[in-house]
Every structure is written in C-alpha cells, then in structure tokens.
Protein backbone atom coordinates (compact mmCIF):
# COMPACT_ATOMS: atom_id res chain seq x y z
CA MET A 1 0.00 0.00 0.00
CA ALA A 2 2.89 2.37 0.75
CA CYS A 3 4.27 1.80 -2.76
CA ARG A 4 0.88 2.50 -4.31
CA ASP A 5 0.47 5.61 -2.18
CA ALA A 6 3.85 6.81 -3.48
CA GLY A 7 2.52 6.60 -7.04
CA HIS A 8 3.91 3.23 -8.12
CA GLU A 9 2.01 0.57 -10.01
CA VAL A 10 1.80 -2.64 -7.96
CA LEU A 11 1.11 -6.04 -9.51
CA PHE A 12 0.63 -9.10 -7.30
CA GLY A 13 1.25 -12.69 -8.33
CA THR A 14 -0.45 -15.01 -5.88
CA GLY A 15 -2.60 -18.10 -5.39
CA GLU A 16 -6.26 -18.14 -6.27
CA ARG A 17 -7.37 -18.04 -2.62
CA LEU A 18 -5.76 -14.66 -1.98
CA ARG A 19 -6.76 -12.90 -5.19
CA PRO A 20 -10.22 -11.82 -3.92
CA ARG A 21 -8.65 -10.23 -0.83
CA LEU A 22 -6.09 -8.34 -2.91
CA ARG A 23 -8.73 -7.15 -5.34
CA GLU A 24 -10.78 -5.98 -2.36
CA LEU A 25 -7.77 -3.91 -1.31
CA GLY A 26 -7.64 -2.39 -4.79
CA PHE A 27 -4.72 -4.26 -6.36
CA ARG A 28 -4.28 -6.09 -9.63
CA ALA A 29 -3.55 -9.73 -8.86
CA GLU A 30 -2.56 -12.46 -11.31
CA ARG A 31 -2.84 -16.14 -10.50
CA VAL A 32 0.55 -17.69 -9.79
CA GLY A 33 1.54 -21.17 -8.66
CA ILE A 34 -0.47 -23.55 -6.50
CA SER A 35 -1.54 -23.63 -2.86
CA ILE A 36 0.63 -25.09 -0.12
CA ASP A 37 -2.10 -27.66 0.56
CA GLU A 38 -1.93 -28.84 -3.06
CA ALA A 39 1.86 -28.86 -2.98
CA ASP A 40 1.78 -30.99 0.18
CA ARG A 41 -0.51 -33.51 -1.55
CA LEU A 42 1.71 -33.69 -4.63
CA ALA A 43 4.86 -34.13 -2.55
CA LEU A 44 3.25 -36.96 -0.55
CA ARG A 45 1.92 -38.57 -3.71
CA ASP A 46 5.46 -38.84 -5.05
CA ASP A 47 7.08 -39.70 -1.70
CA PRO A 48 4.62 -40.96 0.96
CA GLY A 49 7.50 -41.46 3.39
CA LEU A 50 7.73 -37.70 3.91
CA ASP A 51 4.65 -37.92 6.10
CA GLU A 52 6.42 -40.34 8.46
CA LEU A 53 9.36 -38.09 9.28
CA PRO A 54 9.87 -37.41 13.00
CA ARG A 55 9.21 -33.87 14.17
CA ALA A 56 12.91 -32.98 14.23
CA GLU A 57 13.20 -33.97 10.56
CA ARG A 58 9.96 -32.46 9.25
CA TRP A 59 11.94 -29.61 7.70
CA ARG A 60 12.95 -32.08 4.98
CA PHE A 61 9.30 -32.26 3.91
CA GLY A 62 9.34 -28.47 3.65
CA VAL A 63 12.46 -28.57 1.47
CA VAL A 64 10.64 -30.77 -1.06
CA VAL A 65 7.47 -28.67 -0.94
CA PHE A 66 9.09 -25.23 -1.14
CA GLY A 67 12.31 -26.04 -3.01
CA ASP A 68 10.72 -28.24 -5.66
CA VAL A 69 6.94 -28.64 -5.92
CA LEU A 70 5.93 -25.04 -5.22
CA ALA A 71 9.07 -23.59 -6.80
CA SER A 72 8.57 -25.30 -10.14
CA ARG A 73 4.95 -24.11 -10.43
CA THR A 74 5.84 -20.59 -9.34
CA LEU A 75 8.79 -20.37 -11.71
CA GLU A 76 6.59 -21.58 -14.57
CA ASP A 77 4.06 -18.80 -13.93
CA VAL A 78 6.25 -15.94 -12.71
CA ARG A 79 8.92 -15.99 -15.41
CA PRO A 80 6.54 -15.10 -18.29
CA LEU A 81 4.77 -12.61 -16.03
CA LEU A 82 8.08 -10.82 -15.40
CA GLU A 83 8.98 -10.92 -19.07
CA ASP A 84 5.61 -9.43 -20.01
CA ALA A 85 5.20 -6.83 -17.24
CA ALA A 86 8.91 -5.87 -17.12
CA PRO A 87 8.75 -4.66 -13.49
CA ASP A 88 11.50 -2.55 -11.99
CA LEU A 89 11.57 -4.67 -8.84
CA LEU A 90 10.25 -8.02 -7.62
CA VAL A 91 9.38 -8.34 -3.92
CA TYR A 92 8.92 -11.99 -3.06
CA ASP A 93 8.01 -14.01 0.00
CA GLU A 94 11.35 -15.44 1.16
CA THR A 95 9.99 -18.99 1.03
CA ASP A 96 8.73 -18.50 -2.55
CA VAL A 97 12.08 -19.40 -4.07
CA GLY A 98 10.65 -20.08 -7.53
CA ALA A 99 10.00 -16.34 -7.77
CA ALA A 100 13.60 -15.60 -6.73
CA ALA A 101 14.86 -17.95 -9.45
CA ALA A 102 12.59 -16.36 -12.04
CA ALA A 103 13.90 -12.90 -11.18
CA TRP A 104 17.49 -14.10 -11.47
CA LEU A 105 16.86 -15.75 -14.84
CA VAL A 106 15.03 -12.72 -16.27
CA GLY A 107 17.40 -10.16 -14.76
CA VAL A 108 14.94 -8.31 -12.53
CA PRO A 109 16.20 -6.92 -9.20
CA ALA A 110 14.60 -8.83 -6.34
CA VAL A 111 13.96 -8.28 -2.65
CA ALA A 112 13.05 -11.01 -0.19
CA HIS A 113 10.19 -10.14 2.17
CA SER A 114 10.44 -12.06 5.43
CA LEU A 115 7.47 -13.83 6.96
CA GLY A 116 8.93 -13.54 10.44
CA ARG A 117 12.16 -15.08 11.70
CA GLN A 118 14.72 -15.66 8.95
CA VAL A 119 14.73 -19.16 7.49
CA PRO A 120 17.66 -21.09 9.06
CA ASP A 121 20.78 -21.47 6.92
CA LEU A 122 20.60 -25.28 6.95
CA ILE A 123 17.17 -25.17 5.33
CA ARG A 124 18.16 -22.39 2.91
CA ARG A 125 21.11 -24.43 1.62
CA ALA A 126 18.96 -27.54 1.21
CA VAL A 127 16.28 -25.57 -0.63
CA LEU A 128 18.89 -24.04 -2.97
CA GLU A 129 20.21 -27.50 -3.85
CA ARG A 130 16.70 -28.69 -4.65
CA LEU A 131 15.91 -25.51 -6.56
CA ALA A 132 19.00 -25.96 -8.76
CA GLU A 133 17.55 -29.30 -9.86
CA VAL A 134 14.26 -27.57 -10.75
CA VAL A 135 16.01 -24.86 -12.77
CA ARG A 136 18.35 -27.41 -14.38
CA GLY A 137 21.20 -24.99 -14.20
CA ASP A 138 23.47 -23.04 -11.95
CA LEU A 139 22.09 -20.55 -9.48
CA PRO A 140 24.25 -18.18 -7.46
CA ASP A 141 25.18 -19.59 -4.06
CA ASP A 142 24.03 -16.33 -2.51
CA LEU A 143 20.67 -16.20 -4.30
CA PHE A 144 19.07 -15.16 -1.00
CA GLU A 145 21.89 -13.40 0.82
CA ALA A 146 22.77 -11.11 -2.12
CA ASN A 147 19.25 -9.73 -2.23
CA ALA A 148 18.02 -7.00 -0.01
CA TYR A 149 15.90 -8.44 2.79
CA LEU A 150 12.79 -6.75 4.14
CA ASP A 151 12.84 -7.87 7.76
CA VAL A 152 9.54 -7.64 9.65
CA CYS A 153 10.88 -9.48 12.69
CA PRO A 154 12.01 -7.38 15.68
CA THR A 155 15.70 -7.86 16.34
CA SER A 156 15.18 -9.47 19.74
CA GLN A 157 13.12 -12.26 18.11
CA GLN A 158 15.34 -12.82 15.06
CA ASP A 159 17.54 -15.90 14.64
CA SER A 160 20.97 -14.57 15.58
CA SER A 161 22.70 -17.47 13.83
CA ALA A 162 21.23 -16.70 10.39
CA SER A 163 23.62 -15.43 7.75
CA GLU A 164 23.50 -11.74 6.94
CA PRO A 165 21.80 -10.73 3.67
CA GLY A 166 23.33 -8.20 1.30
CA GLU A 167 21.19 -5.50 2.87
CA ARG A 168 18.78 -5.91 5.76
CA ILE A 169 15.93 -3.39 5.66
CA PRO A 170 13.81 -3.35 8.84
CA LEU A 171 10.09 -2.97 8.23
CA ARG A 172 7.38 -2.64 10.83
CA PRO A 173 4.81 -5.44 10.41
CA VAL A 174 1.49 -3.75 9.64
CA ALA A 175 -1.73 -5.59 8.80
CA PRO A 176 -3.52 -4.08 5.80
CA ILE A 177 -7.02 -2.75 6.46
CA GLY A 178 -9.54 -2.66 3.64
CA SER A 179 -12.45 -0.26 3.35
CA THR A 180 -14.92 -3.06 4.15
CA ASP A 181 -12.97 -4.61 7.05
CA VAL A 182 -15.07 -4.61 10.22
CA VAL A 183 -15.18 -6.56 13.45
CA PRO A 184 -18.39 -8.35 14.49
CA HIS A 185 -20.83 -6.05 16.29
CA TRP A 186 -20.63 -7.99 19.55
CA ILE A 187 -16.91 -7.16 19.73
CA ALA A 188 -17.15 -3.52 18.70
CA ALA A 189 -19.99 -2.91 21.17
CA GLY A 190 -17.69 -3.53 24.14
CA ARG A 191 -17.58 -6.21 26.82
CA SER A 192 -17.29 -6.64 30.55
CA ARG A 193 -14.88 -9.60 30.31
CA PRO A 194 -11.54 -10.23 28.59
CA LEU A 195 -11.68 -11.20 24.92
CA ALA A 196 -9.57 -14.11 23.70
CA TYR A 197 -8.89 -14.75 20.03
CA LEU A 198 -8.43 -18.42 19.08
CA THR A 199 -7.14 -19.43 15.65
CA LEU A 200 -5.03 -22.17 14.17
CA GLY A 201 -4.44 -20.28 10.95
CA THR A 202 -6.29 -19.29 7.83
CA TYR A 203 -6.39 -22.92 6.70
CA VAL A 204 -7.01 -25.24 9.64
CA SER A 205 -6.81 -28.48 7.65
CA GLY A 206 -5.86 -31.44 9.86
CA GLN A 207 -5.97 -29.48 13.13
CA VAL A 208 -9.66 -29.64 14.01
CA ASP A 209 -9.09 -31.83 17.09
CA SER A 210 -6.62 -29.33 18.54
CA LEU A 211 -8.93 -26.42 17.79
CA ARG A 212 -11.86 -28.24 19.38
CA ALA A 213 -9.86 -28.99 22.55
CA ALA A 214 -8.60 -25.40 22.80
CA ALA A 215 -12.13 -24.06 22.30
CA ALA A 216 -13.41 -26.32 25.07
CA GLY A 217 -10.73 -25.02 27.42
CA LEU A 218 -11.47 -21.38 26.69
CA GLY A 219 -15.19 -22.05 26.93
CA SER A 220 -14.77 -23.12 30.55
CA LEU A 221 -13.36 -19.72 31.56
CA ASP A 222 -14.96 -16.39 32.39
CA VAL A 223 -13.86 -14.84 29.08
CA ASP A 224 -15.42 -14.05 25.73
CA THR A 225 -13.80 -15.87 22.82
CA LEU A 226 -13.72 -15.37 19.07
CA VAL A 227 -12.75 -18.51 17.17
CA THR A 228 -11.84 -18.36 13.48
CA VAL A 229 -11.76 -21.56 11.40
CA GLY A 230 -10.55 -20.20 8.06
CA PRO A 231 -12.42 -19.40 4.82
CA ASP A 232 -12.88 -23.09 4.03
CA GLY A 233 -13.47 -24.16 7.63
CA ASP A 234 -16.68 -25.58 9.05
CA PRO A 235 -17.85 -23.75 12.19
CA SER A 236 -20.11 -26.68 13.11
CA ALA A 237 -17.07 -28.98 13.37
CA LEU A 238 -16.34 -27.54 16.82
CA GLY A 239 -19.63 -28.91 18.16
CA PRO A 240 -21.85 -27.16 20.72
CA LEU A 241 -20.23 -24.08 22.24
CA PRO A 242 -21.15 -21.91 25.23
CA ALA A 243 -22.71 -18.49 24.74
CA SER A 244 -19.35 -16.87 25.56
CA MET A 245 -17.88 -18.17 22.28
CA ARG A 246 -18.55 -17.03 18.71
CA VAL A 247 -17.20 -18.66 15.57
CA GLU A 248 -16.32 -16.85 12.34
CA ARG A 249 -14.53 -18.09 9.26
CA PHE A 250 -12.29 -15.03 9.05
CA VAL A 251 -11.94 -11.60 10.68
CA PRO A 252 -9.10 -9.31 9.46
CA GLN A 253 -6.46 -8.99 12.16
CA GLY A 254 -5.89 -5.33 11.42
CA VAL A 255 -9.30 -4.42 12.82
CA LEU A 256 -9.61 -7.27 15.33
CA LEU A 257 -6.44 -7.20 17.43
CA PRO A 258 -6.99 -3.74 18.98
CA HIS A 259 -10.01 -5.26 20.76
CA VAL A 260 -8.27 -8.44 21.99
CA ASP A 261 -6.74 -9.24 25.41
CA LEU A 262 -5.06 -12.55 24.54
CA VAL A 263 -4.30 -14.64 21.45
CA ALA A 264 -4.23 -18.45 21.40
CA HIS A 265 -2.90 -19.64 18.06
CA HIS A 266 -0.75 -21.97 15.96
CA GLY A 267 2.41 -19.87 15.92
CA GLY A 268 2.17 -18.51 12.40
CA SER A 269 4.43 -15.50 11.95
CA GLY A 270 1.63 -13.13 10.95
CA THR A 271 -0.51 -13.91 13.97
CA MET A 272 2.44 -13.90 16.37
CA LEU A 273 3.85 -10.57 15.15
CA GLY A 274 0.39 -9.02 14.95
CA GLY A 275 -0.29 -9.99 18.54
CA LEU A 276 3.09 -8.68 19.70
CA ALA A 277 2.57 -5.39 17.86
CA HIS A 278 -0.47 -4.90 20.10
CA GLY A 279 1.31 -6.06 23.27
CA LEU A 280 -0.82 -9.19 23.67
CA PRO A 281 0.23 -12.24 25.70
CA GLN A 282 -0.03 -15.40 23.64
CA LEU A 283 -0.55 -19.13 23.95
CA VAL A 284 1.20 -20.76 20.99
CA MET A 285 0.20 -24.25 19.86
CA PRO A 286 2.55 -25.10 16.95
CA HIS A 287 1.74 -27.83 14.45
CA GLY A 288 4.23 -27.41 11.59
CA ALA A 289 6.40 -25.22 9.35
CA ASP A 290 8.09 -22.35 11.24
CA GLN A 291 5.60 -22.54 14.09
CA PHE A 292 7.82 -24.52 16.48
CA VAL A 293 10.76 -22.09 16.29
CA ASN A 294 8.35 -19.16 16.57
CA ALA A 295 6.91 -20.72 19.71
CA GLU A 296 10.39 -21.20 21.18
CA ALA A 297 11.30 -17.57 20.53
CA LEU A 298 8.08 -16.32 22.09
CA LEU A 299 8.53 -18.57 25.11
CA ALA A 300 12.08 -17.26 25.59
CA SER A 301 10.83 -13.67 25.42
CA GLY A 302 8.50 -14.19 28.36
CA ALA A 303 5.52 -12.89 26.38
CA GLY A 304 3.69 -16.19 26.16
CA LEU A 305 3.45 -19.92 26.71
CA ARG A 306 3.95 -22.87 24.36
CA MET A 307 1.87 -26.02 24.14
CA LEU A 308 2.93 -28.87 21.85
CA PRO A 309 0.23 -30.79 19.94
CA GLU A 310 0.24 -33.77 22.32
CA GLU A 311 -0.14 -31.41 25.30
CA ILE A 312 -3.32 -29.71 24.07
CA THR A 313 -6.30 -30.60 26.25
CA PRO A 314 -9.20 -28.47 27.48
CA GLU A 315 -7.70 -28.47 30.96
CA SER A 316 -4.15 -27.51 29.91
CA VAL A 317 -5.41 -24.71 27.67
CA ALA A 318 -7.63 -23.34 30.45
CA ASP A 319 -4.72 -23.38 32.92
CA ALA A 320 -2.40 -21.61 30.46
CA VAL A 321 -4.93 -18.91 29.60
CA ARG A 322 -5.63 -18.24 33.29
CA ALA A 323 -1.90 -17.71 33.85
CA LEU A 324 -1.51 -15.45 30.83
CA LEU A 325 -4.40 -13.24 31.90
CA SER A 326 -3.60 -13.09 35.62
CA GLU A 327 0.20 -12.84 35.76
CA PRO A 328 1.42 -9.34 34.76
CA ALA A 329 4.87 -10.55 33.64
CA TYR A 330 3.49 -11.92 30.37
CA ARG A 331 1.75 -8.69 29.42
CA ASP A 332 4.79 -6.65 30.50
CA ALA A 333 7.07 -8.70 28.23
CA ALA A 334 4.60 -8.38 25.36
CA ALA A 335 4.44 -4.62 25.91
CA GLY A 336 8.22 -4.42 25.63
CA LEU A 337 8.10 -6.22 22.27
CA ALA A 338 5.26 -3.94 21.13
CA ALA A 339 7.49 -0.94 21.84
CA GLU A 340 10.34 -2.53 19.86
CA ILE A 341 8.03 -3.12 16.88
CA ALA A 342 6.60 0.40 17.08
CA ALA A 343 10.14 1.78 16.75
CA MET A 344 10.73 -0.09 13.46
CA PRO A 345 10.37 1.95 10.24
CA ALA A 346 6.83 2.16 8.90
CA PRO A 347 6.10 1.01 5.31
CA ALA A 348 6.00 4.63 4.09
CA GLU A 349 9.50 5.17 5.53
CA THR A 350 10.81 2.01 3.87
CA GLU A 351 9.36 2.62 0.40
CA PRO A 352 12.14 5.06 -0.70
CA LYS A 353 14.72 2.32 -0.06
CA LEU A 354 12.88 0.09 -2.52
CA GLU A 355 13.02 2.87 -5.09
CA GLN A 356 16.77 3.09 -4.62
CA LEU A 357 17.15 -0.63 -5.27
CA THR A 358 15.65 -0.22 -8.75
CA LEU A 359 18.44 2.21 -9.67
CA ARG A 360 21.33 -0.13 -8.93
C-alpha cells in the first residue's frame, strides 16, 4: 500500500485463494503457482514417506514442498509474467524461491520479504540444492543473501545465527485494512470480560481436534472468545459451544487485534507478530512449518506460553490462559516487544529504499 500511495504501479502474483482479498484492497492480482495444501498432496503422492518423518526432521518435507513442488509451479508462472510486465523490482516471500529464481533468470532486481524469523541457513542451503535441480542450471550460491531483505521481525526475536543478507531493511509489520474490514458487532460494542482470540491459521486443515480442545478449554473460563476456522473451515465442526464463544470463518487482524486481550494460536508469523505489535500475551500451539521455532522464541521472550500438539487438552489450555491473563509478567514482556516493533520503520519510511534498489 505504501508503494501505491507513493505513485507506483503494484502487480501481485499469488494463489487463487488470496486474489479476492487483494482485489478488495484495490490491487491487480494475477494467479501464480499452486496452494501449499496442493503442494503438500503432490509431494506426498510422489514420496509418501515424507509424512512419516519425526518432528525434528519435518523440515525435509518443507524442502521438497518449497524447493521443488511449489518452486517449479511458481517459476513456470512468474517468469513469463516478469517478461511481459517488465517490473523494476520483484518483492517476493522469502519462502517462494521459484519467484527468486525467475527474477534471477530474467534479470529483474529482487527483494526477499520475510514472513517472520529468517529461514535457518541449513534449510536455505537444502532448498537451494533442490531448486538448482528444478532450474536445471546453476544458481548463485548467494541467491538469498545477495538480495536485499525486508525484515519484519524485531531484532530481539530474530535468529541470531542466520547469515547476513546483502542489505537488511527493517520494516514494521502492519496488517492491511480494507475499506470493508469490520469486526463483528458484539466485539465492537464492548464487553465486561476479557476477549480471547483463538485461531489455528487461515487454513485449519488437519488441526480440528486441537482447535476443538482449545475451544473447550477457553469455553470453561470467564472470558469471551472469538474462534476463526478459516475461509474453508466448518464452524459446526467444533460442536456445541457456550454463549461466551462465537465462531467466524475469518476476521481481518488489522481491525480485530486492537479489541483483543489474549491470542491463542498456531504460531504462524503473521498472527504472532500481529499480537506482539499490540502487546498481547499469547498461547502458541505449533503444528508445523516455522511454528515450532516461533513458539520457542516467544517462550524465551516471556511474552507467552507454548503447548505442543500432544499437550493440548481443554484443561491444559484453560490453565495456560488463566496464567496469561492473571500474571502481569506476560503482558509486561509483550508490551516491551510492542514498543520494539513500534520503533521499526513504517512502510512509508521504507518505500524510498525500494526505489533506490531499482536504480542499482
């Protein structure tokens, strides 16, 4: 939005699920690649053993999904889009390495946009090796590090062992707010009890049991709770709920989080950073991807608690939420991180640096 406000034309390449949201925000969006869910299915179809990897080795599944299956589809779609649109700069999700390869092959300057904590070097190297097989040719060893890196993660939460990119550009994480984004009336009208926000991500596939157990735990407390199940989720899958709980498929975080007192979630970077930007204590229940390392970082910061999948029960969730709401240390730590995020450059302050990159 900051680039558009500065007078630049912005073209998005994204999956079909996100195009309606981007169009709602007023952007042109072309369909690119496939969804992560589809990529997971294709990877497992070709190698069912990936689903049997122990938790400590699950990153190898991600290498196949992001370094091969997703990358090949993205490269196939993005390369002709770059050749046709001839952009001055490509900003890509740092895990969307097919886009990085397309930019390199076409000769378009590229900037990696972080999702949260920087992807560990071990995984980056493995993804590059897999990506080289997709491209069927040589890629620079520093395909990621040579690019500028838009870093939305506050320094205190960043992986200190990650290699340094060519240029690290801090960027305050800000949730976009569309003209039609509103919170449900029962939230906006005010409440006499704390409000908890429970989500296991935009796409909750395979995590319904955890969400149901967490909802049962929150439902036993003297709090109001908003549960989101994702655009394709089924609200009825959670079963009967007390009057203190409401279920929605999706509520934009940009308008929701200012009303919230606590977030219980999967550990996705967007939800975690959004909650921290508002100084909210958090219960993180990781299930995959970067969620486990995010949960560890949050736990170390003192701003929240972590609960592994096998630990999630109604009783354990209720106990954790009671502690987060009653013990000031969690909110104090979250407030400190909120101040750190607030001091990061806003998108409008960062936009001129992107302009400079196009001139190199």
